[in-house]
Amino acid sequence: MAEQVLNPFAQVFAVIFTFGLYKPEKSYDEYHTSPALSVRTNYQVNPWLVVCADVNGGWASCDRIKEENGPVERTDHWKSLSLVPGVRFTYVNKAKWQLFSGLSFGAACLFSDKEDEGGIRPTFEIVPVGVKYGGPVYGHLELNLGSEFGISGLAGIGFKF
């Protein structure tokens, strides 16, 4: 039952992650995606403005199957690496926690088994709301809307240098 509920969401994620190159041919396709790896650097311009850049990477693959329990006819693979500079606007800036929003635009390099599916694609990220809590080591939660991860929640741990 849980697989039936999660399956449509996973398909949507796979379509977004591959920038629309993965298109389900049959409901029997089996797809796999990696957790996205993201590294962000921030520069605090003033108490309310942060300039940032994200480097994101991940992969997706799909086993193409024509009929239920049928053999795998082929497997498609995609890898993505992106650089997405942006800004974050801090609305609440307390000693231990911040409330922020953000906007980023950049480019993603998509690698595929098929020569005509690779290349550079524009990418964007909108963070309607995010929360950061801590000191030199901090945690953050964000609601993310974008071309790479779709609508998702992102969480991470950061270190101030």
Foldseek 3Di string as FASTA:
>chain_A
DVCVVCVVVVQVLLCLQLLNPDDQPDSQKDKDKDPKDKDKDWDDPDQFKIKMKIWIKIKMKIFHADDVVGDRPDMKIKIKIWIKIWMKTWPDRDQFKTKIWIKIKTKMFMDIPDPVSTGIDIKMKTFPIKMWGGHQKIKMWTFIDMSNRHTDIDIDIDGDD
